[in-house]
Amino acid sequence: MGKKTKVAIAIAAASAAAWAGSKALSKPQKRESKDALTYEHPVVLAHRGGSHLAPEHTMAAFRKADNLGVDGFEIDIRLTKDEEIVVFHDDYVDRTCDGTGRVADLTLDELRKYNFGYNFVDLDGYLSFRDEFESIVTLRELLTEFPDKFVNIDMKDAPDTYEGGLMPSKLWRLIEELDAANRVVVTSFYDEQIDRFNLYAQSKVALGAGQAEVRKAYTSFTSQFGHLYHPKVDVFQIPEKHGVFALDNQSFIQFLNDLNIPVHYWTVNDALSMRKLVNIGARGIVTDRPDLAVKVVNL
């Protein structure tokens, strides 16, 4: 037996011993169930209210989705200049309304002057809300108008900004005031924001995975050391693919399910993909086309 072969065998033996040792010492810990994530069938969450059917993040969209029978909404939030939490995705308002400016530089009263249906193009290619004034929506208004809906809340403000620094505490205080802890999920692309929010919420609110948590879980799943993954969150909201990595994987879904973590996929807008994801174990569909998703899930 050559020297290289002996070295290779020794490395393999050491790796096997390390794997066996870690397996014996580390036992996967399931997440405790959260009321917001207890449901019998896959949920349909209208993305920004269902942004292919009505202007995103407006009451017109939320009410239309509600009438279609969705289980809830997937929304984004930002903080205004006067520290009001509004339901909005972009850093600037220019794309969706007839005004301009950065959300964080505008007061709620200033934002109320803009028509957030102005630039919406419907499925037939018409600017069908240009003459119908749609105001910006505050998170308080949304949670109050739809007290029976599940709401997935994505904090958009970066943690190193003034508004990002305030958002976790202000969001928790609003959720607590409205007694909404059992029907919301709070998440962010920034894992730091999720951690900050939970310092206030103390695990009373279901948490969604940030980008780093998703990478950590997927790396653990694809390695031989999945047993070392200990989740910090309660639900994954992920795309079907991330770069070259296919996340619409039944085994990955099962890996997370075994830890009591349901998987929601975004943003899925065709019925065939919705059906495929439900069939492999997805527990939620986030979609701009809630009209299609409600039919698929209820088949």
Protein backbone atom coordinates (compact mmCIF):
# COMPACT_ATOMS: atom_id res chain seq x y z
CA MET A 1 0.00 0.00 0.00
CA GLY A 2 1.48 3.33 -1.08
CA LYS A 3 2.03 6.34 1.17
CA LYS A 4 -0.70 8.41 -0.55
CA THR A 5 -3.21 5.60 -0.14
CA LYS A 6 -2.40 5.29 3.55
CA VAL A 7 -2.84 9.04 4.03
CA ALA A 8 -6.18 8.97 2.19
CA ILE A 9 -7.40 6.09 4.33
CA ALA A 10 -6.30 7.88 7.50
CA ILE A 11 -8.14 11.07 6.46
CA ALA A 12 -11.27 9.11 5.60
CA ALA A 13 -11.12 7.30 8.94
CA ALA A 14 -10.68 10.59 10.81
CA SER A 15 -13.61 12.14 8.94
CA ALA A 16 -15.81 9.16 9.71
CA ALA A 17 -14.83 9.33 13.37
CA ALA A 18 -15.60 13.06 13.46
CA TRP A 19 -18.99 12.46 11.84
CA ALA A 20 -19.83 9.64 14.26
CA GLY A 21 -18.72 11.70 17.23
CA SER A 22 -20.74 14.74 16.22
CA LYS A 23 -23.77 12.53 15.54
CA ALA A 24 -23.59 11.14 19.05
CA LEU A 25 -23.13 14.52 20.70
CA SER A 26 -25.54 16.65 18.67
CA LYS A 27 -29.23 15.83 18.47
CA PRO A 28 -31.51 17.92 16.20
CA GLN A 29 -33.82 20.13 18.24
CA LYS A 30 -37.26 20.69 16.80
CA ARG A 31 -38.68 24.20 16.94
CA GLU A 32 -41.65 24.67 19.23
CA SER A 33 -44.91 25.09 17.34
CA LYS A 34 -46.22 28.63 16.88
CA ASP A 35 -49.93 29.34 16.64
CA ALA A 36 -49.45 31.39 13.46
CA LEU A 37 -48.03 28.33 11.71
CA THR A 38 -50.67 25.85 12.77
CA TYR A 39 -52.91 25.09 9.80
CA GLU A 40 -54.35 21.99 8.17
CA HIS A 41 -53.71 22.78 4.50
CA PRO A 42 -51.06 24.74 2.58
CA VAL A 43 -51.68 28.46 2.94
CA VAL A 44 -52.03 30.99 0.13
CA LEU A 45 -50.34 34.31 0.87
CA ALA A 46 -51.06 37.18 -1.50
CA HIS A 47 -47.68 38.72 -2.34
CA ARG A 48 -47.96 42.46 -1.61
CA GLY A 49 -51.70 41.82 -1.65
CA GLY A 50 -51.60 40.12 -5.06
CA SER A 51 -49.69 42.60 -7.18
CA HIS A 52 -50.77 41.24 -10.59
CA LEU A 53 -54.43 41.81 -9.80
CA ALA A 54 -54.38 45.24 -8.11
CA PRO A 55 -51.80 47.87 -7.12
CA GLU A 56 -49.32 46.33 -4.72
CA HIS A 57 -49.61 47.03 -1.01
CA THR A 58 -52.87 48.97 -1.40
CA MET A 59 -56.20 48.31 0.26
CA ALA A 60 -57.59 47.56 -3.20
CA ALA A 61 -55.18 44.62 -3.46
CA PHE A 62 -55.69 43.35 0.10
CA ARG A 63 -59.49 43.51 -0.19
CA LYS A 64 -59.48 41.75 -3.55
CA ALA A 65 -57.25 38.99 -2.20
CA ASP A 66 -59.45 38.68 0.87
CA ASN A 67 -62.52 38.28 -1.35
CA LEU A 68 -60.71 35.54 -3.27
CA GLY A 69 -60.30 33.56 -0.06
CA VAL A 70 -56.57 33.82 0.68
CA ASP A 71 -55.24 32.76 4.06
CA GLY A 72 -53.17 35.89 4.41
CA PHE A 73 -50.73 38.37 2.96
CA GLU A 74 -46.98 38.60 2.43
CA ILE A 75 -45.96 42.23 2.92
CA ASP A 76 -42.97 44.53 3.28
CA ILE A 77 -42.67 47.38 5.74
CA ARG A 78 -40.66 50.58 6.03
CA LEU A 79 -40.45 53.46 8.47
CA THR A 80 -41.44 57.00 7.45
CA LYS A 81 -39.71 60.22 8.47
CA ASP A 82 -42.20 60.64 11.33
CA GLU A 83 -41.62 57.00 12.38
CA GLU A 84 -44.85 55.45 11.14
CA ILE A 85 -44.70 51.88 9.85
CA VAL A 86 -46.04 51.72 6.30
CA VAL A 87 -46.64 48.74 4.07
CA PHE A 88 -44.22 49.29 1.20
CA HIS A 89 -41.39 47.49 -0.57
CA ASP A 90 -39.06 49.92 -2.33
CA ASP A 91 -36.67 52.40 -0.78
CA TYR A 92 -38.18 55.09 -3.05
CA VAL A 93 -41.84 55.61 -3.96
CA ASP A 94 -41.23 56.51 -7.62
CA ARG A 95 -41.99 53.12 -9.20
CA THR A 96 -45.55 52.72 -7.96
CA CYS A 97 -47.03 56.20 -7.48
CA ASP A 98 -47.26 59.69 -8.95
CA GLY A 99 -44.75 61.13 -6.49
CA THR A 100 -41.03 60.88 -5.86
CA GLY A 101 -38.79 60.50 -2.88
CA ARG A 102 -37.39 58.12 -0.32
CA VAL A 103 -39.91 56.67 2.14
CA ALA A 104 -37.65 57.45 5.08
CA ASP A 105 -37.48 61.12 4.03
CA LEU A 106 -41.25 61.58 3.78
CA THR A 107 -43.86 61.90 6.52
CA LEU A 108 -47.02 59.82 6.48
CA ASP A 109 -49.06 62.94 5.62
CA GLU A 110 -46.78 63.62 2.65
CA LEU A 111 -47.12 60.02 1.47
CA ARG A 112 -50.91 60.23 1.77
CA LYS A 113 -50.93 62.80 -1.06
CA TYR A 114 -49.70 60.26 -3.62
CA ASN A 115 -51.76 57.82 -5.66
CA PHE A 116 -50.18 54.39 -5.25
CA GLY A 117 -52.33 52.96 -8.01
CA TYR A 118 -51.01 55.44 -10.56
CA ASN A 119 -48.49 53.19 -12.32
CA PHE A 120 -50.27 49.86 -11.93
CA VAL A 121 -50.68 47.91 -15.20
CA ASP A 122 -53.35 45.19 -15.08
CA LEU A 123 -53.30 41.80 -16.80
CA ASP A 124 -54.82 43.34 -19.94
CA GLY A 125 -52.15 46.03 -20.12
CA TYR A 126 -54.30 48.93 -18.88
CA LEU A 127 -53.52 51.60 -16.28
CA SER A 128 -56.80 50.73 -14.66
CA PHE A 129 -56.19 52.45 -11.30
CA ARG A 130 -54.70 55.70 -12.58
CA ASP A 131 -57.93 57.58 -11.88
CA GLU A 132 -58.74 55.73 -8.66
CA PHE A 133 -56.78 57.17 -5.77
CA GLU A 134 -55.10 54.47 -3.69
CA SER A 135 -53.45 55.72 -0.52
CA ILE A 136 -50.43 54.22 1.16
CA VAL A 137 -51.38 51.73 3.91
CA THR A 138 -49.98 51.65 7.42
CA LEU A 139 -49.33 48.34 9.13
CA ARG A 140 -51.76 49.37 11.86
CA GLU A 141 -54.52 49.83 9.28
CA LEU A 142 -53.81 46.47 7.64
CA LEU A 143 -53.75 44.46 10.87
CA THR A 144 -56.87 46.23 12.11
CA GLU A 145 -58.92 45.76 8.93
CA PHE A 146 -58.04 42.06 8.56
CA PRO A 147 -57.97 40.66 12.12
CA ASP A 148 -58.39 37.06 10.93
CA LYS A 149 -55.62 37.02 8.33
CA PHE A 150 -52.12 35.55 8.61
CA VAL A 151 -49.57 38.26 7.79
CA ASN A 152 -45.94 37.61 6.85
CA ILE A 153 -44.03 40.84 7.59
CA ASP A 154 -40.68 41.53 5.94
CA MET A 155 -38.64 44.37 7.47
CA LYS A 156 -36.94 46.12 4.52
CA ASP A 157 -34.95 48.90 6.23
CA ALA A 158 -31.29 47.97 6.60
CA PRO A 159 -30.02 47.51 10.16
CA ASP A 160 -27.29 50.15 9.75
CA THR A 161 -29.79 52.94 8.98
CA TYR A 162 -31.64 55.16 11.45
CA GLU A 163 -35.01 53.74 10.46
CA GLY A 164 -33.65 50.18 10.47
CA GLY A 165 -32.37 50.68 13.98
CA LEU A 166 -35.82 51.73 15.19
CA MET A 167 -37.93 49.25 13.25
CA PRO A 168 -37.60 46.07 15.39
CA SER A 169 -38.73 47.74 18.62
CA LYS A 170 -41.51 49.76 16.98
CA LEU A 171 -42.78 46.70 15.15
CA TRP A 172 -42.88 44.62 18.33
CA ARG A 173 -44.75 47.35 20.23
CA LEU A 174 -47.39 47.57 17.50
CA ILE A 175 -47.85 43.78 17.32
CA GLU A 176 -48.16 43.65 21.10
CA GLU A 177 -50.62 46.56 21.19
CA LEU A 178 -52.86 44.97 18.55
CA ASP A 179 -52.59 41.50 20.11
CA ALA A 180 -51.41 40.14 16.77
CA ALA A 181 -48.52 37.93 17.91
CA ASN A 182 -50.37 34.70 17.10
CA ARG A 183 -51.12 35.58 13.47
CA VAL A 184 -47.92 37.12 12.13
CA VAL A 185 -44.49 35.99 11.01
CA VAL A 186 -41.67 38.52 11.16
CA THR A 187 -38.69 38.21 8.88
CA SER A 188 -36.07 40.15 6.92
CA PHE A 189 -33.31 39.48 4.41
CA TYR A 190 -31.09 40.82 7.19
CA ASP A 191 -30.68 38.13 9.85
CA GLU A 192 -29.47 40.84 12.23
CA GLN A 193 -32.89 42.52 12.06
CA ILE A 194 -34.64 39.27 12.92
CA ASP A 195 -32.36 38.80 15.92
CA ARG A 196 -32.98 42.39 17.05
CA PHE A 197 -36.74 41.96 16.75
CA ASN A 198 -36.63 38.80 18.83
CA LEU A 199 -34.79 40.60 21.61
CA TYR A 200 -38.11 42.41 22.13
CA ALA A 201 -40.51 39.63 21.14
CA GLN A 202 -38.75 36.95 23.20
CA SER A 203 -39.94 34.15 20.86
CA LYS A 204 -43.60 35.14 21.23
CA VAL A 205 -43.77 35.71 17.46
CA ALA A 206 -42.97 33.24 14.69
CA LEU A 207 -39.74 34.14 12.90
CA GLY A 208 -38.94 33.67 9.22
CA ALA A 209 -35.49 32.80 7.90
CA GLY A 210 -33.08 35.45 6.66
CA GLN A 211 -30.60 34.86 3.88
CA ALA A 212 -27.80 33.65 6.14
CA GLU A 213 -30.08 31.18 7.93
CA VAL A 214 -31.22 29.73 4.58
CA ARG A 215 -27.61 29.28 3.46
CA LYS A 216 -26.73 27.65 6.77
CA ALA A 217 -29.61 25.19 6.55
CA TYR A 218 -29.01 24.30 2.93
CA THR A 219 -25.28 23.78 3.51
CA SER A 220 -26.06 21.50 6.44
CA PHE A 221 -28.63 19.59 4.39
CA THR A 222 -26.23 18.96 1.50
CA SER A 223 -23.39 17.89 3.79
CA GLN A 224 -23.19 14.83 5.98
CA PHE A 225 -23.59 17.03 9.04
CA GLY A 226 -27.27 17.96 8.86
CA HIS A 227 -27.62 16.84 12.48
CA LEU A 228 -25.48 19.82 13.49
CA TYR A 229 -28.03 22.32 12.19
CA HIS A 230 -29.98 23.97 15.00
CA PRO A 231 -32.56 26.39 13.56
CA LYS A 232 -33.13 29.88 14.98
CA VAL A 233 -36.38 30.43 13.09
CA ASP A 234 -39.83 28.90 12.69
CA VAL A 235 -40.56 29.03 8.95
CA PHE A 236 -38.62 29.27 5.69
CA GLN A 237 -39.84 31.51 2.88
CA ILE A 238 -37.64 30.72 -0.10
CA PRO A 239 -37.59 30.88 -3.91
CA GLU A 240 -37.69 27.74 -5.99
CA LYS A 241 -34.09 28.36 -7.00
CA HIS A 242 -31.23 30.44 -5.66
CA GLY A 243 -28.54 30.84 -8.30
CA VAL A 244 -27.60 27.34 -9.41
CA PHE A 245 -29.13 25.73 -6.32
CA ALA A 246 -32.58 24.15 -6.60
CA LEU A 247 -34.46 24.76 -3.36
CA ASP A 248 -37.69 23.14 -4.59
CA ASN A 249 -36.39 19.85 -3.30
CA GLN A 250 -38.63 17.35 -1.53
CA SER A 251 -35.76 16.07 0.58
CA PHE A 252 -34.87 19.61 1.70
CA ILE A 253 -38.50 20.25 2.61
CA GLN A 254 -38.53 17.03 4.63
CA PHE A 255 -35.24 17.97 6.31
CA LEU A 256 -36.89 21.16 7.56
CA ASN A 257 -40.23 19.51 8.34
CA ASP A 258 -38.39 17.09 10.62
CA LEU A 259 -37.36 20.16 12.62
CA ASN A 260 -40.98 21.39 12.70
CA ILE A 261 -40.21 24.12 10.16
CA PRO A 262 -42.73 24.56 7.32
CA VAL A 263 -41.55 25.84 3.94
CA HIS A 264 -43.28 28.58 1.93
CA TYR A 265 -42.20 29.34 -1.66
CA TRP A 266 -42.15 32.74 -3.34
CA THR A 267 -43.04 34.23 -5.75
CA VAL A 268 -44.97 31.50 -7.59
CA ASN A 269 -47.37 32.72 -10.27
CA ASP A 270 -48.27 29.74 -12.45
CA ALA A 271 -50.63 26.94 -11.50
CA LEU A 272 -48.35 24.07 -12.57
CA SER A 273 -45.53 25.22 -10.30
CA MET A 274 -47.95 25.77 -7.44
CA ARG A 275 -49.31 22.24 -7.79
CA LYS A 276 -45.82 20.71 -8.00
CA LEU A 277 -44.69 22.52 -4.84
CA VAL A 278 -47.78 21.51 -2.88
CA ASN A 279 -47.30 17.91 -4.00
CA ILE A 280 -43.72 17.79 -2.69
CA GLY A 281 -44.65 19.22 0.69
CA ALA A 282 -44.71 23.03 0.50
CA ARG A 283 -46.86 24.44 3.29
CA GLY A 284 -47.35 27.85 1.73
CA ILE A 285 -47.50 29.57 -1.65
CA VAL A 286 -46.63 33.26 -1.86
CA THR A 287 -48.06 34.60 -5.10
CA ASP A 288 -49.00 37.66 -7.17
CA ARG A 289 -51.87 35.52 -8.55
CA PRO A 290 -53.97 34.52 -5.54
CA ASP A 291 -56.86 33.81 -7.91
CA LEU A 292 -54.89 30.87 -9.32
CA ALA A 293 -53.35 29.72 -6.03
CA VAL A 294 -56.63 29.50 -4.15
CA LYS A 295 -57.99 27.16 -6.84
CA VAL A 296 -54.87 24.98 -6.82
CA VAL A 297 -54.77 24.57 -3.04
CA ASN A 298 -58.48 23.86 -2.84
CA LEU A 299 -58.46 21.13 -5.52
